[in-house]
All heavy atoms as atom14 arrays in JSON, in Angstrom:
{
  "sequence": "GVSQTILRQSRKTFLVADSSKFTRTAPARIASLAEIDSFFTDAPLDK",
  "atom14_mask": [
    [1, 1, 1, 1, 0, 0, 0, 0, 0, 0, 0, 0, 0, 0],
    [1, 1, 1, 1, 1, 1, 1, 0, 0, 0, 0, 0, 0, 0],
    [1, 1, 1, 1, 1, 1, 0, 0, 0, 0, 0, 0, 0, 0],
    [1, 1, 1, 1, 1, 1, 1, 1, 1, 0, 0, 0, 0, 0],
    [1, 1, 1, 1, 1, 1, 1, 0, 0, 0, 0, 0, 0, 0],
    [1, 1, 1, 1, 1, 1, 1, 1, 0, 0, 0, 0, 0, 0],
    [1, 1, 1, 1, 1, 1, 1, 1, 0, 0, 0, 0, 0, 0],
    [1, 1, 1, 1, 1, 1, 1, 1, 1, 1, 1, 0, 0, 0],
    [1, 1, 1, 1, 1, 1, 1, 1, 1, 0, 0, 0, 0, 0],
    [1, 1, 1, 1, 1, 1, 0, 0, 0, 0, 0, 0, 0, 0],
    [1, 1, 1, 1, 1, 1, 1, 1, 1, 1, 1, 0, 0, 0],
    [1, 1, 1, 1, 1, 1, 1, 1, 1, 0, 0, 0, 0, 0],
    [1, 1, 1, 1, 1, 1, 1, 0, 0, 0, 0, 0, 0, 0],
    [1, 1, 1, 1, 1, 1, 1, 1, 1, 1, 1, 0, 0, 0],
    [1, 1, 1, 1, 1, 1, 1, 1, 0, 0, 0, 0, 0, 0],
    [1, 1, 1, 1, 1, 1, 1, 0, 0, 0, 0, 0, 0, 0],
    [1, 1, 1, 1, 1, 0, 0, 0, 0, 0, 0, 0, 0, 0],
    [1, 1, 1, 1, 1, 1, 1, 1, 0, 0, 0, 0, 0, 0],
    [1, 1, 1, 1, 1, 1, 0, 0, 0, 0, 0, 0, 0, 0],
    [1, 1, 1, 1, 1, 1, 0, 0, 0, 0, 0, 0, 0, 0],
    [1, 1, 1, 1, 1, 1, 1, 1, 1, 0, 0, 0, 0, 0],
    [1, 1, 1, 1, 1, 1, 1, 1, 1, 1, 1, 0, 0, 0],
    [1, 1, 1, 1, 1, 1, 1, 0, 0, 0, 0, 0, 0, 0],
    [1, 1, 1, 1, 1, 1, 1, 1, 1, 1, 1, 0, 0, 0],
    [1, 1, 1, 1, 1, 1, 1, 0, 0, 0, 0, 0, 0, 0],
    [1, 1, 1, 1, 1, 0, 0, 0, 0, 0, 0, 0, 0, 0],
    [1, 1, 1, 1, 1, 1, 1, 0, 0, 0, 0, 0, 0, 0],
    [1, 1, 1, 1, 1, 0, 0, 0, 0, 0, 0, 0, 0, 0],
    [1, 1, 1, 1, 1, 1, 1, 1, 1, 1, 1, 0, 0, 0],
    [1, 1, 1, 1, 1, 1, 1, 1, 0, 0, 0, 0, 0, 0],
    [1, 1, 1, 1, 1, 0, 0, 0, 0, 0, 0, 0, 0, 0],
    [1, 1, 1, 1, 1, 1, 0, 0, 0, 0, 0, 0, 0, 0],
    [1, 1, 1, 1, 1, 1, 1, 1, 0, 0, 0, 0, 0, 0],
    [1, 1, 1, 1, 1, 0, 0, 0, 0, 0, 0, 0, 0, 0],
    [1, 1, 1, 1, 1, 1, 1, 1, 1, 0, 0, 0, 0, 0],
    [1, 1, 1, 1, 1, 1, 1, 1, 0, 0, 0, 0, 0, 0],
    [1, 1, 1, 1, 1, 1, 1, 1, 0, 0, 0, 0, 0, 0],
    [1, 1, 1, 1, 1, 1, 0, 0, 0, 0, 0, 0, 0, 0],
    [1, 1, 1, 1, 1, 1, 1, 1, 1, 1, 1, 0, 0, 0],
    [1, 1, 1, 1, 1, 1, 1, 1, 1, 1, 1, 0, 0, 0],
    [1, 1, 1, 1, 1, 1, 1, 0, 0, 0, 0, 0, 0, 0],
    [1, 1, 1, 1, 1, 1, 1, 1, 0, 0, 0, 0, 0, 0],
    [1, 1, 1, 1, 1, 0, 0, 0, 0, 0, 0, 0, 0, 0],
    [1, 1, 1, 1, 1, 1, 1, 0, 0, 0, 0, 0, 0, 0],
    [1, 1, 1, 1, 1, 1, 1, 1, 0, 0, 0, 0, 0, 0],
    [1, 1, 1, 1, 1, 1, 1, 1, 0, 0, 0, 0, 0, 0],
    [1, 1, 1, 1, 1, 1, 1, 1, 1, 0, 0, 0, 0, 0]
  ],
  "atom14_positions": [
    [[22.1, 5.02, -5.83], [22.15, 4.65, -7.19], [22.32, 3.09, -7.48], [21.63, 2.57, -8.35], [0.0, 0.0, 0.0], [0.0, 0.0, 0.0], [0.0, 0.0, 0.0], [0.0, 0.0, 0.0], [0.0, 0.0, 0.0], [0.0, 0.0, 0.0], [0.0, 0.0, 0.0], [0.0, 0.0, 0.0], [0.0, 0.0, 0.0], [0.0, 0.0, 0.0]],
    [[23.0, 2.54, -6.65], [23.27, 0.98, -6.75], [21.9, 0.33, -6.47], [21.64, -0.69, -7.16], [24.41, 0.57, -5.87], [24.5, -0.92, -5.72], [25.77, 1.14, -6.22], [0.0, 0.0, 0.0], [0.0, 0.0, 0.0], [0.0, 0.0, 0.0], [0.0, 0.0, 0.0], [0.0, 0.0, 0.0], [0.0, 0.0, 0.0], [0.0, 0.0, 0.0]],
    [[21.29, 0.8, -5.29], [20.05, 0.16, -4.93], [19.03, 0.26, -6.1], [18.23, -0.63, -6.37], [19.5, 0.79, -3.67], [20.36, 0.48, -2.62], [0.0, 0.0, 0.0], [0.0, 0.0, 0.0], [0.0, 0.0, 0.0], [0.0, 0.0, 0.0], [0.0, 0.0, 0.0], [0.0, 0.0, 0.0], [0.0, 0.0, 0.0], [0.0, 0.0, 0.0]],
    [[18.96, 1.41, -6.67], [17.98, 1.59, -7.82], [18.33, 0.72, -8.99], [17.33, 0.15, -9.61], [17.99, 3.09, -8.19], [17.38, 4.05, -7.14], [17.54, 5.54, -7.43], [18.46, 5.87, -8.29], [16.77, 6.3, -6.89], [0.0, 0.0, 0.0], [0.0, 0.0, 0.0], [0.0, 0.0, 0.0], [0.0, 0.0, 0.0], [0.0, 0.0, 0.0]],
    [[19.6, 0.45, -9.32], [19.97, -0.52, -10.3], [19.61, -1.89, -9.92], [18.97, -2.71, -10.8], [21.52, -0.51, -10.42], [21.99, 0.87, -10.79], [21.99, -1.36, -11.64], [0.0, 0.0, 0.0], [0.0, 0.0, 0.0], [0.0, 0.0, 0.0], [0.0, 0.0, 0.0], [0.0, 0.0, 0.0], [0.0, 0.0, 0.0], [0.0, 0.0, 0.0]],
    [[19.68, -2.23, -8.66], [19.28, -3.56, -8.21], [17.65, -3.76, -8.48], [17.33, -4.84, -8.88], [19.56, -3.7, -6.64], [20.97, -3.85, -6.46], [18.86, -5.02, -6.12], [21.41, -3.58, -4.96], [0.0, 0.0, 0.0], [0.0, 0.0, 0.0], [0.0, 0.0, 0.0], [0.0, 0.0, 0.0], [0.0, 0.0, 0.0], [0.0, 0.0, 0.0]],
    [[16.97, -2.73, -8.19], [15.49, -2.84, -8.36], [15.19, -3.0, -9.78], [14.37, -3.85, -10.21], [14.77, -1.55, -7.88], [14.72, -1.32, -6.4], [14.17, 0.02, -6.05], [13.94, -2.43, -5.7], [0.0, 0.0, 0.0], [0.0, 0.0, 0.0], [0.0, 0.0, 0.0], [0.0, 0.0, 0.0], [0.0, 0.0, 0.0], [0.0, 0.0, 0.0]],
    [[15.87, -2.36, -10.67], [15.66, -2.49, -12.23], [16.06, -3.88, -12.73], [15.52, -4.41, -13.73], [16.42, -1.48, -12.98], [15.9, -0.06, -12.78], [16.56, 0.9, -13.92], [17.97, 0.92, -13.8], [18.65, 1.81, -13.05], [18.03, 2.61, -12.33], [19.96, 1.85, -13.11], [0.0, 0.0, 0.0], [0.0, 0.0, 0.0], [0.0, 0.0, 0.0]],
    [[16.99, -4.57, -12.05], [17.57, -5.76, -12.53], [17.03, -7.07, -11.83], [17.65, -8.11, -11.93], [19.06, -5.82, -12.51], [19.78, -4.59, -13.28], [19.5, -4.75, -14.76], [18.84, -3.72, -15.21], [19.8, -5.72, -15.4], [0.0, 0.0, 0.0], [0.0, 0.0, 0.0], [0.0, 0.0, 0.0], [0.0, 0.0, 0.0], [0.0, 0.0, 0.0]],
    [[15.92, -6.84, -11.13], [15.37, -7.89, -10.27], [13.96, -8.17, -10.74], [13.16, -7.3, -10.98], [15.49, -7.48, -8.87], [16.69, -7.36, -8.41], [0.0, 0.0, 0.0], [0.0, 0.0, 0.0], [0.0, 0.0, 0.0], [0.0, 0.0, 0.0], [0.0, 0.0, 0.0], [0.0, 0.0, 0.0], [0.0, 0.0, 0.0], [0.0, 0.0, 0.0]],
    [[13.54, -9.4, -10.9], [12.25, -9.83, -11.28], [11.23, -9.53, -10.07], [9.98, -9.3, -10.23], [12.12, -11.3, -11.68], [12.91, -11.45, -13.01], [12.69, -12.96, -13.44], [13.37, -13.18, -14.63], [14.68, -13.57, -14.72], [15.45, -13.69, -13.71], [15.24, -13.78, -15.99], [0.0, 0.0, 0.0], [0.0, 0.0, 0.0], [0.0, 0.0, 0.0]],
    [[11.7, -9.58, -8.89], [10.91, -9.59, -7.7], [11.72, -8.92, -6.57], [13.01, -9.21, -6.45], [10.38, -10.88, -7.15], [9.17, -10.86, -6.23], [8.64, -12.38, -6.0], [7.49, -12.33, -5.16], [7.0, -13.73, -4.98], [0.0, 0.0, 0.0], [0.0, 0.0, 0.0], [0.0, 0.0, 0.0], [0.0, 0.0, 0.0], [0.0, 0.0, 0.0]],
    [[11.17, -8.15, -5.73], [11.97, -7.41, -4.66], [11.47, -7.52, -3.34], [10.17, -7.28, -3.13], [12.2, -5.99, -4.99], [12.66, -5.85, -6.26], [13.17, -5.26, -4.01], [0.0, 0.0, 0.0], [0.0, 0.0, 0.0], [0.0, 0.0, 0.0], [0.0, 0.0, 0.0], [0.0, 0.0, 0.0], [0.0, 0.0, 0.0], [0.0, 0.0, 0.0]],
    [[12.13, -7.92, -2.35], [11.77, -7.83, -0.85], [12.49, -6.74, -0.14], [13.64, -6.54, -0.42], [12.15, -9.2, -0.13], [11.31, -10.36, -0.57], [11.8, -11.63, -0.24], [10.3, -10.28, -1.48], [10.9, -12.77, -0.51], [9.5, -11.41, -1.87], [9.94, -12.7, -1.44], [0.0, 0.0, 0.0], [0.0, 0.0, 0.0], [0.0, 0.0, 0.0]],
    [[11.81, -6.09, 0.85], [12.35, -5.06, 1.66], [12.38, -5.67, 3.09], [11.42, -6.2, 3.53], [11.65, -3.81, 1.69], [12.09, -2.79, 2.74], [13.44, -2.16, 2.49], [10.95, -1.54, 2.85], [0.0, 0.0, 0.0], [0.0, 0.0, 0.0], [0.0, 0.0, 0.0], [0.0, 0.0, 0.0], [0.0, 0.0, 0.0], [0.0, 0.0, 0.0]],
    [[13.61, -5.57, 3.71], [13.64, -5.91, 5.21], [14.06, -4.66, 5.93], [15.04, -4.06, 5.69], [14.8, -7.08, 5.31], [14.12, -8.4, 4.96], [16.07, -6.81, 4.74], [0.0, 0.0, 0.0], [0.0, 0.0, 0.0], [0.0, 0.0, 0.0], [0.0, 0.0, 0.0], [0.0, 0.0, 0.0], [0.0, 0.0, 0.0], [0.0, 0.0, 0.0]],
    [[13.23, -4.26, 6.94], [13.47, -3.08, 7.67], [12.74, -3.15, 9.0], [11.52, -3.41, 9.0], [12.95, -1.83, 7.0], [0.0, 0.0, 0.0], [0.0, 0.0, 0.0], [0.0, 0.0, 0.0], [0.0, 0.0, 0.0], [0.0, 0.0, 0.0], [0.0, 0.0, 0.0], [0.0, 0.0, 0.0], [0.0, 0.0, 0.0], [0.0, 0.0, 0.0]],
    [[13.45, -3.02, 10.15], [12.77, -2.99, 11.48], [12.04, -1.78, 11.72], [12.34, -0.66, 11.09], [13.77, -3.44, 12.55], [14.79, -2.37, 12.78], [14.44, -1.43, 13.43], [15.94, -2.57, 12.32], [0.0, 0.0, 0.0], [0.0, 0.0, 0.0], [0.0, 0.0, 0.0], [0.0, 0.0, 0.0], [0.0, 0.0, 0.0], [0.0, 0.0, 0.0]],
    [[11.25, -1.67, 12.86], [10.43, -0.5, 13.02], [11.2, 0.74, 13.46], [10.5, 1.78, 13.42], [9.37, -0.94, 14.13], [10.0, -1.44, 15.24], [0.0, 0.0, 0.0], [0.0, 0.0, 0.0], [0.0, 0.0, 0.0], [0.0, 0.0, 0.0], [0.0, 0.0, 0.0], [0.0, 0.0, 0.0], [0.0, 0.0, 0.0], [0.0, 0.0, 0.0]],
    [[12.49, 0.57, 13.85], [13.2, 1.8, 14.16], [13.25, 2.75, 12.88], [13.5, 3.83, 13.0], [14.57, 1.45, 14.65], [15.36, 0.91, 13.61], [0.0, 0.0, 0.0], [0.0, 0.0, 0.0], [0.0, 0.0, 0.0], [0.0, 0.0, 0.0], [0.0, 0.0, 0.0], [0.0, 0.0, 0.0], [0.0, 0.0, 0.0], [0.0, 0.0, 0.0]],
    [[13.14, 2.04, 11.78], [13.36, 2.95, 10.48], [12.02, 3.77, 10.24], [12.1, 4.75, 9.45], [13.51, 1.89, 9.26], [14.63, 0.91, 9.44], [15.99, 1.65, 9.53], [17.07, 0.69, 9.69], [17.28, -0.28, 8.59], [0.0, 0.0, 0.0], [0.0, 0.0, 0.0], [0.0, 0.0, 0.0], [0.0, 0.0, 0.0], [0.0, 0.0, 0.0]],
    [[10.96, 3.47, 10.93], [9.7, 4.23, 10.85], [9.82, 5.64, 11.43], [9.12, 6.45, 11.12], [8.41, 3.5, 11.5], [8.2, 2.09, 11.06], [7.27, 1.42, 11.65], [8.88, 1.58, 10.01], [6.95, 0.13, 11.26], [8.59, 0.29, 9.55], [7.62, -0.4, 10.06], [0.0, 0.0, 0.0], [0.0, 0.0, 0.0], [0.0, 0.0, 0.0]],
    [[10.81, 5.68, 12.44], [10.85, 7.04, 13.2], [12.16, 7.84, 12.68], [12.48, 8.76, 13.32], [10.93, 6.78, 14.66], [12.08, 5.89, 15.07], [9.59, 6.11, 15.17], [0.0, 0.0, 0.0], [0.0, 0.0, 0.0], [0.0, 0.0, 0.0], [0.0, 0.0, 0.0], [0.0, 0.0, 0.0], [0.0, 0.0, 0.0], [0.0, 0.0, 0.0]],
    [[12.81, 7.28, 11.73], [14.05, 8.01, 11.25], [13.8, 8.68, 9.87], [12.77, 8.33, 9.19], [15.2, 7.02, 11.08], [15.55, 6.3, 12.37], [16.75, 5.42, 12.22], [18.0, 6.31, 11.97], [19.02, 5.77, 11.36], [19.16, 4.6, 10.88], [20.03, 6.68, 11.17], [0.0, 0.0, 0.0], [0.0, 0.0, 0.0], [0.0, 0.0, 0.0]],
    [[14.66, 9.53, 9.43], [14.54, 10.07, 8.21], [15.93, 10.11, 7.54], [16.93, 10.03, 8.31], [13.89, 11.48, 8.13], [13.62, 11.88, 6.78], [14.77, 12.43, 8.85], [0.0, 0.0, 0.0], [0.0, 0.0, 0.0], [0.0, 0.0, 0.0], [0.0, 0.0, 0.0], [0.0, 0.0, 0.0], [0.0, 0.0, 0.0], [0.0, 0.0, 0.0]],
    [[16.09, 10.29, 6.25], [17.32, 10.45, 5.49], [17.08, 11.17, 4.31], [15.92, 11.31, 3.77], [17.81, 8.98, 5.19], [0.0, 0.0, 0.0], [0.0, 0.0, 0.0], [0.0, 0.0, 0.0], [0.0, 0.0, 0.0], [0.0, 0.0, 0.0], [0.0, 0.0, 0.0], [0.0, 0.0, 0.0], [0.0, 0.0, 0.0], [0.0, 0.0, 0.0]],
    [[18.03, 11.76, 3.66], [17.8, 12.81, 2.62], [17.67, 12.24, 1.2], [17.08, 12.91, 0.33], [19.12, 13.64, 2.65], [20.1, 12.74, 3.06], [19.49, 11.77, 4.04], [0.0, 0.0, 0.0], [0.0, 0.0, 0.0], [0.0, 0.0, 0.0], [0.0, 0.0, 0.0], [0.0, 0.0, 0.0], [0.0, 0.0, 0.0], [0.0, 0.0, 0.0]],
    [[18.04, 10.98, 0.97], [18.06, 10.48, -0.42], [17.02, 9.44, -0.6], [16.93, 8.42, 0.15], [19.42, 9.93, -0.82], [0.0, 0.0, 0.0], [0.0, 0.0, 0.0], [0.0, 0.0, 0.0], [0.0, 0.0, 0.0], [0.0, 0.0, 0.0], [0.0, 0.0, 0.0], [0.0, 0.0, 0.0], [0.0, 0.0, 0.0], [0.0, 0.0, 0.0]],
    [[16.27, 9.5, -1.67], [15.01, 8.65, -2.05], [15.68, 7.38, -2.81], [16.21, 7.6, -3.93], [13.97, 9.26, -2.62], [12.77, 8.45, -2.99], [11.72, 9.23, -3.76], [10.45, 8.41, -4.02], [10.33, 7.62, -4.98], [11.35, 7.47, -5.83], [9.14, 6.94, -5.18], [0.0, 0.0, 0.0], [0.0, 0.0, 0.0], [0.0, 0.0, 0.0]],
    [[15.31, 6.18, -2.45], [15.6, 4.98, -3.21], [14.45, 4.65, -4.15], [14.62, 4.52, -5.31], [15.92, 3.8, -2.3], [16.95, 4.05, -1.36], [16.18, 2.54, -3.13], [17.16, 3.02, -0.21], [0.0, 0.0, 0.0], [0.0, 0.0, 0.0], [0.0, 0.0, 0.0], [0.0, 0.0, 0.0], [0.0, 0.0, 0.0], [0.0, 0.0, 0.0]],
    [[13.36, 4.51, -3.57], [12.14, 4.04, -4.39], [10.96, 4.22, -3.44], [11.11, 4.71, -2.26], [12.3, 2.66, -4.79], [0.0, 0.0, 0.0], [0.0, 0.0, 0.0], [0.0, 0.0, 0.0], [0.0, 0.0, 0.0], [0.0, 0.0, 0.0], [0.0, 0.0, 0.0], [0.0, 0.0, 0.0], [0.0, 0.0, 0.0], [0.0, 0.0, 0.0]],
    [[9.77, 3.75, -3.89], [8.51, 3.69, -3.15], [8.27, 2.24, -2.73], [8.67, 1.34, -3.55], [7.36, 4.25, -3.95], [6.11, 3.92, -3.26], [0.0, 0.0, 0.0], [0.0, 0.0, 0.0], [0.0, 0.0, 0.0], [0.0, 0.0, 0.0], [0.0, 0.0, 0.0], [0.0, 0.0, 0.0], [0.0, 0.0, 0.0], [0.0, 0.0, 0.0]],
    [[7.57, 2.05, -1.6], [7.01, 0.74, -1.39], [6.1, 0.21, -2.5], [5.99, -1.0, -2.53], [6.28, 0.74, -0.03], [7.02, 0.57, 1.22], [6.2, 0.72, 2.5], [7.71, -0.85, 1.39], [0.0, 0.0, 0.0], [0.0, 0.0, 0.0], [0.0, 0.0, 0.0], [0.0, 0.0, 0.0], [0.0, 0.0, 0.0], [0.0, 0.0, 0.0]],
    [[5.56, 1.01, -3.27], [4.85, 0.65, -4.42], [5.57, -0.27, -5.33], [4.99, -1.1, -6.17], [4.19, 1.81, -5.12], [0.0, 0.0, 0.0], [0.0, 0.0, 0.0], [0.0, 0.0, 0.0], [0.0, 0.0, 0.0], [0.0, 0.0, 0.0], [0.0, 0.0, 0.0], [0.0, 0.0, 0.0], [0.0, 0.0, 0.0], [0.0, 0.0, 0.0]],
    [[6.94, -0.02, -5.26], [7.92, -0.91, -6.26], [8.37, -2.22, -5.6], [8.98, -2.85, -6.2], [8.99, -0.06, -6.69], [8.66, 1.26, -7.32], [9.77, 2.25, -7.58], [10.86, 1.81, -8.16], [9.7, 3.3, -7.05], [0.0, 0.0, 0.0], [0.0, 0.0, 0.0], [0.0, 0.0, 0.0], [0.0, 0.0, 0.0], [0.0, 0.0, 0.0]],
    [[7.83, -2.41, -4.26], [8.31, -3.62, -3.54], [7.26, -4.59, -3.52], [6.08, -4.32, -3.3], [8.68, -3.15, -2.15], [9.81, -2.07, -2.11], [9.12, -4.4, -1.32], [11.13, -2.43, -2.72], [0.0, 0.0, 0.0], [0.0, 0.0, 0.0], [0.0, 0.0, 0.0], [0.0, 0.0, 0.0], [0.0, 0.0, 0.0], [0.0, 0.0, 0.0]],
    [[7.6, -5.87, -3.77], [6.66, -7.0, -3.72], [6.3, -7.41, -2.25], [5.04, -7.58, -2.03], [7.13, -8.15, -4.48], [7.38, -7.93, -5.96], [6.33, -7.79, -6.66], [8.54, -7.69, -6.41], [0.0, 0.0, 0.0], [0.0, 0.0, 0.0], [0.0, 0.0, 0.0], [0.0, 0.0, 0.0], [0.0, 0.0, 0.0], [0.0, 0.0, 0.0]],
    [[7.25, -7.57, -1.33], [6.97, -7.94, -0.02], [7.87, -7.16, 0.98], [8.97, -6.95, 0.66], [7.19, -9.4, 0.17], [6.33, -10.15, -0.65], [0.0, 0.0, 0.0], [0.0, 0.0, 0.0], [0.0, 0.0, 0.0], [0.0, 0.0, 0.0], [0.0, 0.0, 0.0], [0.0, 0.0, 0.0], [0.0, 0.0, 0.0], [0.0, 0.0, 0.0]],
    [[7.23, -6.66, 2.06], [7.92, -5.96, 3.14], [7.86, -6.75, 4.42], [6.89, -7.11, 4.93], [7.22, -4.56, 3.14], [7.73, -3.66, 4.31], [9.04, -3.78, 4.85], [6.93, -2.8, 4.95], [9.47, -2.98, 5.89], [7.32, -1.92, 5.86], [8.61, -2.11, 6.42], [0.0, 0.0, 0.0], [0.0, 0.0, 0.0], [0.0, 0.0, 0.0]],
    [[9.06, -6.95, 4.94], [9.23, -7.71, 6.16], [9.67, -6.88, 7.26], [10.84, -6.15, 7.11], [10.18, -8.85, 5.88], [9.87, -9.93, 4.93], [10.09, -9.76, 3.65], [9.14, -11.07, 5.36], [9.69, -10.62, 2.61], [8.81, -11.99, 4.31], [9.0, -11.76, 3.03], [0.0, 0.0, 0.0], [0.0, 0.0, 0.0], [0.0, 0.0, 0.0]],
    [[8.91, -6.81, 8.33], [9.26, -5.82, 9.44], [8.81, -6.49, 10.69], [8.38, -7.75, 10.73], [8.56, -4.5, 9.16], [9.08, -3.5, 10.23], [6.95, -4.56, 9.22], [0.0, 0.0, 0.0], [0.0, 0.0, 0.0], [0.0, 0.0, 0.0], [0.0, 0.0, 0.0], [0.0, 0.0, 0.0], [0.0, 0.0, 0.0], [0.0, 0.0, 0.0]],
    [[8.89, -5.72, 11.82], [8.69, -6.33, 13.15], [7.54, -5.69, 13.88], [7.25, -5.96, 15.11], [9.93, -6.3, 13.97], [10.48, -4.88, 14.26], [10.2, -3.98, 13.36], [11.17, -4.76, 15.29], [0.0, 0.0, 0.0], [0.0, 0.0, 0.0], [0.0, 0.0, 0.0], [0.0, 0.0, 0.0], [0.0, 0.0, 0.0], [0.0, 0.0, 0.0]],
    [[6.78, -4.85, 13.3], [5.66, -4.12, 13.96], [4.65, -3.67, 12.93], [5.01, -3.41, 11.76], [6.22, -2.87, 14.7], [0.0, 0.0, 0.0], [0.0, 0.0, 0.0], [0.0, 0.0, 0.0], [0.0, 0.0, 0.0], [0.0, 0.0, 0.0], [0.0, 0.0, 0.0], [0.0, 0.0, 0.0], [0.0, 0.0, 0.0], [0.0, 0.0, 0.0]],
    [[3.39, -3.7, 13.16], [2.33, -3.34, 12.36], [2.54, -1.85, 11.74], [2.93, -1.02, 12.53], [1.1, -3.45, 13.07], [1.39, -4.45, 14.23], [2.87, -4.03, 14.56], [0.0, 0.0, 0.0], [0.0, 0.0, 0.0], [0.0, 0.0, 0.0], [0.0, 0.0, 0.0], [0.0, 0.0, 0.0], [0.0, 0.0, 0.0], [0.0, 0.0, 0.0]],
    [[2.22, -1.62, 10.5], [2.25, -0.33, 9.97], [1.0, 0.5, 10.47], [0.03, -0.15, 10.75], [2.3, -0.39, 8.44], [3.27, -1.2, 7.72], [3.17, -1.19, 6.22], [4.73, -0.91, 8.17], [0.0, 0.0, 0.0], [0.0, 0.0, 0.0], [0.0, 0.0, 0.0], [0.0, 0.0, 0.0], [0.0, 0.0, 0.0], [0.0, 0.0, 0.0]],
    [[1.18, 1.76, 10.52], [0.06, 2.55, 10.87], [-0.92, 2.42, 9.65], [-0.58, 2.05, 8.6], [0.43, 4.05, 11.08], [1.0, 4.76, 9.93], [0.69, 4.45, 8.75], [1.84, 5.75, 10.1], [0.0, 0.0, 0.0], [0.0, 0.0, 0.0], [0.0, 0.0, 0.0], [0.0, 0.0, 0.0], [0.0, 0.0, 0.0], [0.0, 0.0, 0.0]],
    [[-2.2, 2.78, 9.98], [-3.3, 2.55, 9.08], [-3.16, 3.14, 7.65], [-3.41, 2.49, 6.7], [-4.63, 2.84, 9.76], [-5.18, 1.95, 10.82], [-6.39, 2.34, 11.33], [-6.87, 1.25, 12.4], [-8.21, 1.63, 12.98], [0.0, 0.0, 0.0], [0.0, 0.0, 0.0], [0.0, 0.0, 0.0], [0.0, 0.0, 0.0], [0.0, 0.0, 0.0]]
  ]
}
């Protein structure tokens, strides 16, 4: 809920997440990458 408020109150948003997050899951949805301006990671995304 706090993260969603942050997204609403920001003119621009960056996501930082390493590739270990690609193989994990969690139950609560924050947002979509469609709502993120730039995504910083350490491995190429799958196609």
